[in-house]
N, C-alpha and C. Protein backbone atom coordinates (compact mmCIF):
# COMPACT_ATOMS: atom_id res chain seq x y z
N MET A 1 28.89 22.13 0.12
CA MET A 1 27.47 22.15 0.39
C MET A 1 26.78 23.04 -0.64
N LYS A 2 25.68 22.55 -1.20
CA LYS A 2 24.89 23.32 -2.15
C LYS A 2 23.47 23.44 -1.58
N ILE A 3 23.15 24.61 -1.02
CA ILE A 3 21.87 24.80 -0.35
C ILE A 3 20.81 25.25 -1.34
N GLU A 4 19.67 24.55 -1.30
CA GLU A 4 18.50 24.89 -2.10
C GLU A 4 17.29 24.96 -1.18
N VAL A 5 16.18 25.44 -1.73
CA VAL A 5 14.95 25.58 -0.96
C VAL A 5 13.81 24.88 -1.70
N ALA A 6 12.96 24.21 -0.95
CA ALA A 6 11.75 23.58 -1.48
C ALA A 6 10.58 24.01 -0.60
N THR A 7 9.42 24.20 -1.20
CA THR A 7 8.22 24.57 -0.45
C THR A 7 7.07 23.66 -0.86
N PHE A 8 6.53 22.95 0.14
CA PHE A 8 5.44 22.00 -0.10
C PHE A 8 4.26 22.28 0.83
N ALA A 9 3.07 22.13 0.30
CA ALA A 9 1.85 22.16 1.10
C ALA A 9 1.22 20.78 0.98
N GLY A 10 1.09 20.11 2.11
CA GLY A 10 0.55 18.76 2.10
C GLY A 10 -0.33 18.51 3.31
N GLY A 11 -1.22 19.44 3.58
CA GLY A 11 -2.09 19.31 4.75
C GLY A 11 -1.47 20.02 5.93
N CYS A 12 -1.71 19.50 7.10
CA CYS A 12 -1.23 20.10 8.33
C CYS A 12 0.29 20.20 8.35
N PHE A 13 0.81 21.39 8.61
CA PHE A 13 2.26 21.55 8.60
C PHE A 13 2.94 20.89 9.79
N TRP A 14 2.20 20.56 10.83
CA TRP A 14 2.80 19.82 11.94
C TRP A 14 3.26 18.44 11.48
N CYS A 15 2.44 17.81 10.62
CA CYS A 15 2.78 16.47 10.10
C CYS A 15 3.98 16.53 9.17
N THR A 16 3.93 17.44 8.21
CA THR A 16 5.00 17.49 7.21
C THR A 16 6.32 17.92 7.84
N GLU A 17 6.28 18.84 8.78
CA GLU A 17 7.52 19.25 9.45
C GLU A 17 8.15 18.06 10.15
N ALA A 18 7.35 17.28 10.89
CA ALA A 18 7.87 16.13 11.64
C ALA A 18 8.56 15.13 10.73
N ILE A 19 8.04 14.96 9.53
CA ILE A 19 8.63 14.01 8.59
C ILE A 19 9.92 14.55 7.98
N PHE A 20 9.87 15.72 7.40
CA PHE A 20 11.01 16.23 6.64
C PHE A 20 12.22 16.58 7.51
N LYS A 21 12.00 16.85 8.79
CA LYS A 21 13.12 17.13 9.69
C LYS A 21 14.03 15.92 9.84
N ARG A 22 13.53 14.75 9.54
CA ARG A 22 14.27 13.52 9.77
C ARG A 22 15.08 13.06 8.56
N LEU A 23 15.06 13.83 7.50
CA LEU A 23 15.79 13.42 6.30
C LEU A 23 17.23 13.90 6.32
N LYS A 24 18.13 13.00 6.00
CA LYS A 24 19.55 13.34 5.88
C LYS A 24 19.71 14.34 4.74
N GLY A 25 20.40 15.42 5.00
CA GLY A 25 20.61 16.45 3.99
C GLY A 25 19.67 17.64 4.14
N VAL A 26 18.63 17.47 4.96
CA VAL A 26 17.74 18.59 5.25
C VAL A 26 18.38 19.41 6.36
N ILE A 27 18.54 20.69 6.11
CA ILE A 27 19.19 21.59 7.06
C ILE A 27 18.18 22.22 8.00
N LYS A 28 17.07 22.66 7.44
CA LYS A 28 16.06 23.35 8.25
C LYS A 28 14.68 23.16 7.62
N VAL A 29 13.67 23.01 8.47
CA VAL A 29 12.28 22.92 8.04
C VAL A 29 11.49 23.93 8.87
N LEU A 30 10.80 24.83 8.18
CA LEU A 30 9.98 25.83 8.87
C LEU A 30 8.52 25.69 8.44
N PRO A 31 7.60 25.64 9.39
CA PRO A 31 6.19 25.68 9.04
C PRO A 31 5.80 27.12 8.71
N GLY A 32 4.85 27.27 7.79
CA GLY A 32 4.41 28.61 7.45
C GLY A 32 3.23 28.59 6.51
N TYR A 33 3.10 29.70 5.79
CA TYR A 33 1.94 29.91 4.92
C TYR A 33 2.43 30.46 3.58
N THR A 34 1.77 30.03 2.51
CA THR A 34 2.09 30.55 1.18
C THR A 34 0.90 30.33 0.25
N GLY A 35 0.93 31.02 -0.87
CA GLY A 35 -0.06 30.79 -1.91
C GLY A 35 -1.30 31.64 -1.84
N GLY A 36 -1.33 32.61 -0.94
CA GLY A 36 -2.50 33.47 -0.81
C GLY A 36 -2.18 34.92 -1.10
N ALA A 37 -3.18 35.75 -0.92
CA ALA A 37 -3.02 37.17 -1.23
C ALA A 37 -2.81 38.03 0.02
N THR A 38 -3.18 37.54 1.18
CA THR A 38 -3.09 38.32 2.41
C THR A 38 -1.63 38.50 2.83
N GLU A 39 -1.24 39.73 3.11
CA GLU A 39 0.10 40.01 3.63
C GLU A 39 0.16 39.62 5.11
N ASN A 40 1.27 39.02 5.52
CA ASN A 40 1.50 38.66 6.91
C ASN A 40 0.34 37.90 7.55
N PRO A 41 -0.05 36.78 6.95
CA PRO A 41 -1.17 36.02 7.51
C PRO A 41 -0.82 35.41 8.86
N THR A 42 -1.84 35.16 9.64
CA THR A 42 -1.70 34.49 10.93
C THR A 42 -2.36 33.12 10.84
N TYR A 43 -2.09 32.29 11.82
CA TYR A 43 -2.72 30.98 11.85
C TYR A 43 -4.24 31.13 11.84
N LYS A 44 -4.74 32.10 12.58
CA LYS A 44 -6.19 32.32 12.64
C LYS A 44 -6.75 32.69 11.27
N SER A 45 -6.07 33.59 10.55
CA SER A 45 -6.58 34.00 9.23
C SER A 45 -6.46 32.87 8.21
N VAL A 46 -5.39 32.09 8.28
CA VAL A 46 -5.23 30.98 7.35
C VAL A 46 -6.25 29.89 7.67
N SER A 47 -6.44 29.59 8.95
CA SER A 47 -7.40 28.55 9.36
C SER A 47 -8.82 28.88 8.95
N SER A 48 -9.13 30.15 8.82
CA SER A 48 -10.48 30.54 8.42
C SER A 48 -10.74 30.18 6.96
N GLY A 49 -9.69 29.95 6.19
CA GLY A 49 -9.82 29.64 4.77
C GLY A 49 -10.00 30.88 3.91
N LYS A 50 -10.00 32.05 4.51
CA LYS A 50 -10.26 33.28 3.77
C LYS A 50 -9.00 33.98 3.26
N SER A 51 -7.83 33.61 3.75
CA SER A 51 -6.60 34.29 3.35
C SER A 51 -6.08 33.82 1.99
N GLY A 52 -6.52 32.64 1.58
CA GLY A 52 -6.04 32.05 0.33
C GLY A 52 -4.74 31.27 0.49
N HIS A 53 -4.13 31.34 1.67
CA HIS A 53 -2.86 30.65 1.91
C HIS A 53 -3.08 29.19 2.26
N ALA A 54 -2.03 28.41 2.04
CA ALA A 54 -2.00 27.01 2.46
C ALA A 54 -0.99 26.88 3.59
N GLU A 55 -1.28 25.99 4.53
CA GLU A 55 -0.24 25.61 5.48
C GLU A 55 0.83 24.89 4.67
N CYS A 56 2.07 25.24 4.91
CA CYS A 56 3.16 24.64 4.13
C CYS A 56 4.40 24.50 4.99
N ILE A 57 5.39 23.88 4.41
CA ILE A 57 6.72 23.87 5.02
C ILE A 57 7.71 24.38 3.99
N GLN A 58 8.71 25.09 4.49
CA GLN A 58 9.80 25.51 3.64
C GLN A 58 11.04 24.76 4.13
N ILE A 59 11.69 24.10 3.19
CA ILE A 59 12.81 23.21 3.50
C ILE A 59 14.08 23.78 2.90
N GLU A 60 15.10 23.94 3.74
CA GLU A 60 16.45 24.22 3.24
C GLU A 60 17.16 22.88 3.23
N PHE A 61 17.78 22.54 2.09
CA PHE A 61 18.44 21.25 1.99
C PHE A 61 19.74 21.35 1.22
N ASP A 62 20.63 20.43 1.50
CA ASP A 62 21.90 20.33 0.78
C ASP A 62 21.67 19.37 -0.38
N SER A 63 21.60 19.92 -1.59
CA SER A 63 21.28 19.09 -2.76
C SER A 63 22.42 18.14 -3.14
N GLU A 64 23.57 18.27 -2.48
CA GLU A 64 24.65 17.30 -2.69
C GLU A 64 24.43 16.06 -1.82
N VAL A 65 23.52 16.16 -0.85
CA VAL A 65 23.22 15.04 0.05
C VAL A 65 21.85 14.44 -0.28
N ILE A 66 20.86 15.29 -0.52
CA ILE A 66 19.51 14.83 -0.86
C ILE A 66 19.00 15.69 -2.02
N THR A 67 18.41 15.03 -2.98
CA THR A 67 17.94 15.74 -4.17
C THR A 67 16.51 16.25 -3.99
N PHE A 68 16.16 17.21 -4.81
CA PHE A 68 14.78 17.68 -4.85
C PHE A 68 13.86 16.52 -5.22
N GLN A 69 14.31 15.66 -6.11
CA GLN A 69 13.52 14.49 -6.51
C GLN A 69 13.19 13.61 -5.30
N LYS A 70 14.17 13.37 -4.44
CA LYS A 70 13.94 12.54 -3.25
C LYS A 70 12.97 13.24 -2.30
N LEU A 71 13.10 14.56 -2.14
CA LEU A 71 12.14 15.29 -1.31
C LEU A 71 10.73 15.14 -1.87
N LEU A 72 10.61 15.24 -3.19
CA LEU A 72 9.29 15.06 -3.83
C LEU A 72 8.75 13.66 -3.60
N ASP A 73 9.61 12.65 -3.70
CA ASP A 73 9.16 11.27 -3.46
C ASP A 73 8.57 11.14 -2.06
N VAL A 74 9.26 11.71 -1.09
CA VAL A 74 8.78 11.66 0.29
C VAL A 74 7.45 12.42 0.39
N PHE A 75 7.41 13.62 -0.17
CA PHE A 75 6.20 14.43 -0.13
C PHE A 75 5.01 13.70 -0.74
N LEU A 76 5.18 13.14 -1.92
CA LEU A 76 4.07 12.52 -2.64
C LEU A 76 3.64 11.18 -2.04
N HIS A 77 4.47 10.61 -1.16
CA HIS A 77 4.11 9.32 -0.56
C HIS A 77 3.77 9.42 0.92
N THR A 78 3.82 10.62 1.50
CA THR A 78 3.51 10.73 2.93
C THR A 78 2.27 11.57 3.20
N HIS A 79 1.58 11.95 2.14
CA HIS A 79 0.27 12.57 2.28
C HIS A 79 -0.57 12.07 1.12
N ASN A 80 -1.85 12.38 1.10
CA ASN A 80 -2.70 11.91 0.01
C ASN A 80 -2.82 13.00 -1.06
N PRO A 81 -2.12 12.85 -2.18
CA PRO A 81 -2.15 13.87 -3.22
C PRO A 81 -3.40 13.81 -4.10
N THR A 82 -4.37 12.95 -3.72
CA THR A 82 -5.58 12.81 -4.54
C THR A 82 -6.81 13.46 -3.90
N THR A 83 -6.66 14.02 -2.72
CA THR A 83 -7.82 14.64 -2.07
C THR A 83 -7.73 16.15 -2.21
N LEU A 84 -8.76 16.74 -2.76
CA LEU A 84 -8.79 18.17 -3.00
C LEU A 84 -9.13 18.92 -1.72
N ASN A 85 -8.21 19.81 -1.32
CA ASN A 85 -8.44 20.68 -0.16
C ASN A 85 -8.75 19.89 1.11
N ARG A 86 -8.01 18.79 1.27
CA ARG A 86 -8.27 17.95 2.44
C ARG A 86 -7.10 17.00 2.68
N GLN A 87 -6.80 16.81 3.95
CA GLN A 87 -5.91 15.74 4.39
C GLN A 87 -6.52 15.18 5.66
N GLY A 88 -7.04 13.96 5.58
CA GLY A 88 -7.70 13.36 6.74
C GLY A 88 -8.88 14.20 7.18
N HIS A 89 -8.88 14.55 8.47
CA HIS A 89 -9.97 15.36 9.04
C HIS A 89 -9.76 16.85 8.83
N ASP A 90 -8.60 17.25 8.30
CA ASP A 90 -8.32 18.66 8.05
C ASP A 90 -8.89 19.03 6.68
N ILE A 91 -9.88 19.92 6.68
CA ILE A 91 -10.60 20.24 5.45
C ILE A 91 -10.55 21.75 5.20
N GLY A 92 -10.32 22.12 3.95
CA GLY A 92 -10.31 23.52 3.54
C GLY A 92 -9.15 23.77 2.58
N THR A 93 -9.22 24.88 1.88
CA THR A 93 -8.17 25.20 0.90
C THR A 93 -6.81 25.36 1.57
N GLN A 94 -6.79 25.67 2.86
CA GLN A 94 -5.53 25.82 3.57
C GLN A 94 -4.80 24.49 3.73
N TYR A 95 -5.48 23.37 3.43
CA TYR A 95 -4.88 22.04 3.53
C TYR A 95 -4.67 21.41 2.15
N ARG A 96 -4.67 22.24 1.11
CA ARG A 96 -4.50 21.72 -0.24
C ARG A 96 -3.10 21.15 -0.43
N SER A 97 -2.99 20.33 -1.45
CA SER A 97 -1.71 19.72 -1.82
C SER A 97 -1.10 20.54 -2.95
N ALA A 98 0.12 21.06 -2.71
CA ALA A 98 0.76 21.88 -3.73
C ALA A 98 2.28 21.83 -3.61
N ILE A 99 2.90 21.95 -4.75
CA ILE A 99 4.35 22.09 -4.84
C ILE A 99 4.60 23.50 -5.36
N PHE A 100 5.27 24.32 -4.56
CA PHE A 100 5.57 25.70 -4.93
C PHE A 100 7.02 25.71 -5.42
N TYR A 101 7.19 25.69 -6.73
CA TYR A 101 8.55 25.55 -7.27
C TYR A 101 9.31 26.86 -7.25
N HIS A 102 10.63 26.73 -7.03
CA HIS A 102 11.54 27.87 -6.93
C HIS A 102 12.37 28.05 -8.19
N SER A 103 12.27 27.12 -9.14
CA SER A 103 13.04 27.20 -10.39
C SER A 103 12.34 26.37 -11.45
N GLU A 104 12.71 26.62 -12.68
CA GLU A 104 12.15 25.82 -13.78
C GLU A 104 12.54 24.35 -13.63
N ALA A 105 13.73 24.10 -13.11
CA ALA A 105 14.16 22.72 -12.89
C ALA A 105 13.24 22.02 -11.89
N GLN A 106 12.91 22.69 -10.79
CA GLN A 106 11.99 22.10 -9.82
C GLN A 106 10.62 21.86 -10.45
N LYS A 107 10.16 22.78 -11.26
CA LYS A 107 8.86 22.63 -11.93
C LYS A 107 8.88 21.38 -12.81
N GLU A 108 9.93 21.22 -13.61
CA GLU A 108 10.02 20.07 -14.52
C GLU A 108 10.09 18.75 -13.75
N ILE A 109 10.85 18.73 -12.67
CA ILE A 109 10.96 17.52 -11.84
C ILE A 109 9.60 17.19 -11.23
N ALA A 110 8.90 18.20 -10.74
CA ALA A 110 7.58 17.98 -10.13
C ALA A 110 6.59 17.45 -11.16
N GLU A 111 6.55 18.06 -12.34
CA GLU A 111 5.64 17.60 -13.40
C GLU A 111 5.95 16.17 -13.79
N SER A 112 7.22 15.86 -13.95
CA SER A 112 7.63 14.51 -14.32
C SER A 112 7.25 13.50 -13.24
N SER A 113 7.44 13.86 -11.97
CA SER A 113 7.10 12.95 -10.86
C SER A 113 5.62 12.64 -10.82
N ILE A 114 4.81 13.67 -10.97
CA ILE A 114 3.36 13.45 -10.94
C ILE A 114 2.91 12.66 -12.17
N ASN A 115 3.45 12.97 -13.33
CA ASN A 115 3.11 12.20 -14.53
C ASN A 115 3.47 10.73 -14.37
N LYS A 116 4.63 10.47 -13.78
CA LYS A 116 5.07 9.09 -13.56
C LYS A 116 4.10 8.36 -12.63
N LEU A 117 3.69 9.02 -11.54
CA LEU A 117 2.74 8.40 -10.61
C LEU A 117 1.40 8.12 -11.29
N GLU A 118 0.97 9.05 -12.14
CA GLU A 118 -0.30 8.86 -12.87
C GLU A 118 -0.20 7.64 -13.79
N VAL A 119 0.92 7.52 -14.50
CA VAL A 119 1.12 6.39 -15.42
C VAL A 119 1.17 5.07 -14.65
N GLU A 120 1.81 5.09 -13.49
CA GLU A 120 1.94 3.88 -12.67
C GLU A 120 0.64 3.50 -11.98
N ASN A 121 -0.37 4.39 -12.00
CA ASN A 121 -1.64 4.14 -11.32
C ASN A 121 -1.45 3.76 -9.86
N LEU A 122 -0.55 4.46 -9.20
CA LEU A 122 -0.29 4.20 -7.79
C LEU A 122 -1.50 4.51 -6.93
N TYR A 123 -2.27 5.50 -7.33
CA TYR A 123 -3.46 5.91 -6.59
C TYR A 123 -4.71 5.59 -7.42
N GLU A 124 -5.79 5.25 -6.74
CA GLU A 124 -7.04 4.96 -7.44
C GLU A 124 -7.64 6.21 -8.06
N ASP A 125 -7.48 7.35 -7.38
CA ASP A 125 -8.04 8.62 -7.85
C ASP A 125 -6.94 9.47 -8.49
N PRO A 126 -7.33 10.43 -9.32
CA PRO A 126 -6.34 11.29 -9.95
C PRO A 126 -5.62 12.17 -8.92
N ILE A 127 -4.37 12.47 -9.20
CA ILE A 127 -3.59 13.35 -8.35
C ILE A 127 -4.06 14.79 -8.58
N VAL A 128 -4.33 15.50 -7.48
CA VAL A 128 -4.82 16.88 -7.58
C VAL A 128 -3.77 17.90 -7.11
N THR A 129 -2.59 17.43 -6.78
CA THR A 129 -1.52 18.32 -6.32
C THR A 129 -1.24 19.36 -7.39
N LYS A 130 -1.26 20.63 -6.99
CA LYS A 130 -0.97 21.73 -7.91
C LYS A 130 0.53 21.99 -7.93
N ILE A 131 1.02 22.37 -9.08
CA ILE A 131 2.41 22.79 -9.24
C ILE A 131 2.37 24.25 -9.63
N VAL A 132 2.78 25.11 -8.70
CA VAL A 132 2.63 26.55 -8.90
C VAL A 132 3.94 27.27 -8.55
N PRO A 133 4.17 28.43 -9.15
CA PRO A 133 5.39 29.16 -8.82
C PRO A 133 5.36 29.69 -7.39
N PHE A 134 6.50 29.58 -6.73
CA PHE A 134 6.63 30.12 -5.38
C PHE A 134 6.64 31.64 -5.46
N GLN A 135 5.94 32.28 -4.53
CA GLN A 135 5.95 33.74 -4.48
C GLN A 135 6.50 34.26 -3.16
N LYS A 136 5.87 33.92 -2.07
CA LYS A 136 6.31 34.44 -0.78
C LYS A 136 5.96 33.46 0.32
N PHE A 137 6.86 33.33 1.26
CA PHE A 137 6.67 32.45 2.41
C PHE A 137 6.55 33.30 3.67
N TYR A 138 5.56 32.97 4.48
CA TYR A 138 5.37 33.64 5.76
C TYR A 138 5.58 32.59 6.85
N GLU A 139 6.55 32.81 7.69
CA GLU A 139 6.85 31.88 8.76
C GLU A 139 5.69 31.83 9.76
N ALA A 140 5.36 30.61 10.20
CA ALA A 140 4.29 30.43 11.19
C ALA A 140 4.74 30.92 12.56
N GLU A 141 3.79 31.13 13.41
CA GLU A 141 4.05 31.55 14.78
C GLU A 141 4.93 30.51 15.48
N ASP A 142 5.69 30.97 16.46
CA ASP A 142 6.67 30.11 17.14
C ASP A 142 6.07 28.83 17.72
N TYR A 143 4.86 28.89 18.23
CA TYR A 143 4.29 27.69 18.87
C TYR A 143 4.01 26.57 17.87
N HIS A 144 4.08 26.84 16.58
CA HIS A 144 3.91 25.79 15.57
C HIS A 144 5.23 25.08 15.25
N LYS A 145 6.33 25.70 15.55
CA LYS A 145 7.65 25.15 15.21
C LYS A 145 7.98 23.98 16.13
N ASN A 146 8.44 22.89 15.55
CA ASN A 146 8.77 21.68 16.30
C ASN A 146 7.57 21.19 17.11
N TYR A 147 6.39 21.35 16.56
CA TYR A 147 5.17 21.05 17.28
C TYR A 147 5.13 19.60 17.78
N PHE A 148 5.46 18.68 16.92
CA PHE A 148 5.40 17.27 17.30
C PHE A 148 6.35 16.97 18.46
N GLU A 149 7.57 17.47 18.37
CA GLU A 149 8.55 17.22 19.42
C GLU A 149 8.10 17.83 20.76
N LYS A 150 7.45 18.97 20.71
CA LYS A 150 7.02 19.67 21.93
C LYS A 150 5.71 19.12 22.50
N ASN A 151 4.94 18.39 21.67
CA ASN A 151 3.59 17.97 22.08
C ASN A 151 3.31 16.51 21.78
N ARG A 152 4.29 15.66 21.93
CA ARG A 152 4.15 14.24 21.56
C ARG A 152 2.94 13.55 22.18
N ASN A 153 2.55 13.97 23.37
CA ASN A 153 1.44 13.31 24.05
C ASN A 153 0.08 13.91 23.73
N ALA A 154 0.04 14.94 22.92
CA ALA A 154 -1.24 15.55 22.53
C ALA A 154 -2.03 14.55 21.67
N PRO A 155 -3.35 14.53 21.80
CA PRO A 155 -4.16 13.59 21.03
C PRO A 155 -3.90 13.66 19.51
N TYR A 156 -3.80 14.86 18.94
CA TYR A 156 -3.56 14.99 17.49
C TYR A 156 -2.23 14.35 17.10
N CYS A 157 -1.23 14.56 17.93
CA CYS A 157 0.09 13.98 17.64
C CYS A 157 0.03 12.46 17.66
N ASN A 158 -0.66 11.90 18.65
CA ASN A 158 -0.77 10.44 18.75
C ASN A 158 -1.63 9.84 17.65
N ALA A 159 -2.72 10.49 17.33
CA ALA A 159 -3.68 9.92 16.38
C ALA A 159 -3.31 10.17 14.92
N VAL A 160 -2.66 11.30 14.62
CA VAL A 160 -2.42 11.67 13.23
C VAL A 160 -0.94 11.67 12.86
N ILE A 161 -0.13 12.40 13.62
CA ILE A 161 1.28 12.56 13.24
C ILE A 161 2.08 11.28 13.45
N GLU A 162 1.93 10.66 14.60
CA GLU A 162 2.72 9.45 14.90
C GLU A 162 2.53 8.35 13.87
N PRO A 163 1.29 8.02 13.46
CA PRO A 163 1.14 6.98 12.42
C PRO A 163 1.79 7.38 11.09
N LYS A 164 1.68 8.65 10.69
CA LYS A 164 2.33 9.09 9.46
C LYS A 164 3.84 8.98 9.58
N LEU A 165 4.36 9.34 10.73
CA LEU A 165 5.79 9.29 10.96
C LEU A 165 6.29 7.85 10.94
N GLN A 166 5.56 6.96 11.56
CA GLN A 166 5.96 5.54 11.56
C GLN A 166 5.95 4.95 10.15
N LYS A 167 4.94 5.29 9.36
CA LYS A 167 4.89 4.82 7.97
C LYS A 167 6.08 5.38 7.19
N PHE A 168 6.36 6.65 7.37
CA PHE A 168 7.50 7.26 6.70
C PHE A 168 8.80 6.55 7.10
N LEU A 169 9.01 6.33 8.39
CA LEU A 169 10.25 5.70 8.85
C LEU A 169 10.40 4.29 8.28
N LYS A 170 9.29 3.59 8.14
CA LYS A 170 9.32 2.25 7.56
C LYS A 170 9.64 2.31 6.07
N ASP A 171 9.02 3.23 5.35
CA ASP A 171 9.16 3.29 3.90
C ASP A 171 10.44 3.98 3.42
N PHE A 172 10.99 4.88 4.23
CA PHE A 172 12.12 5.70 3.78
C PHE A 172 13.33 5.60 4.69
N ARG A 173 13.57 4.46 5.28
CA ARG A 173 14.70 4.28 6.19
C ARG A 173 16.04 4.72 5.61
N VAL A 174 16.21 4.56 4.33
CA VAL A 174 17.48 4.81 3.68
C VAL A 174 17.94 6.26 3.83
N VAL A 175 17.03 7.21 3.82
CA VAL A 175 17.42 8.62 3.80
C VAL A 175 17.23 9.32 5.15
N VAL A 176 16.89 8.57 6.18
CA VAL A 176 16.63 9.19 7.48
C VAL A 176 17.94 9.42 8.23
N VAL A 177 17.99 10.55 8.92
CA VAL A 177 19.18 10.90 9.72
C VAL A 177 19.33 9.90 10.83
């Protein structure tokens, strides 16, 4: 087993956690905050947009089972990388799209992936996903962990997470646990 870490911000961390937990080779997915200046941010401070942090997920994965490239493919196809500081109805810098790389190799793979998507014209609008060095991850409060599994009947889960999850399961069946 070769364990690596990836950190992605792609809007609401409840959505991204629900998706990435289902990938074969993913060991752990934690919702949290990164990319800001505030030490020990809380959901309230991040939600205000004043902390500078983004909602994100930190993924531990076995790179002998699933590659960083495959994680990026899932990330870039399960949220909208062309909307600045927004995913659906979630608006603010805390919902920005970003790849927080942990190594030069991850940075190069991320740049190559985004360049490839731009050349392919997969999206009508330009990709705004930032590729930035990872600095520090702050784990979200416990009630955010496994949110979808604990709250499947909540309106947000039914209206937002479930459709994203179904699209993911349809498009990425090959790598799902």
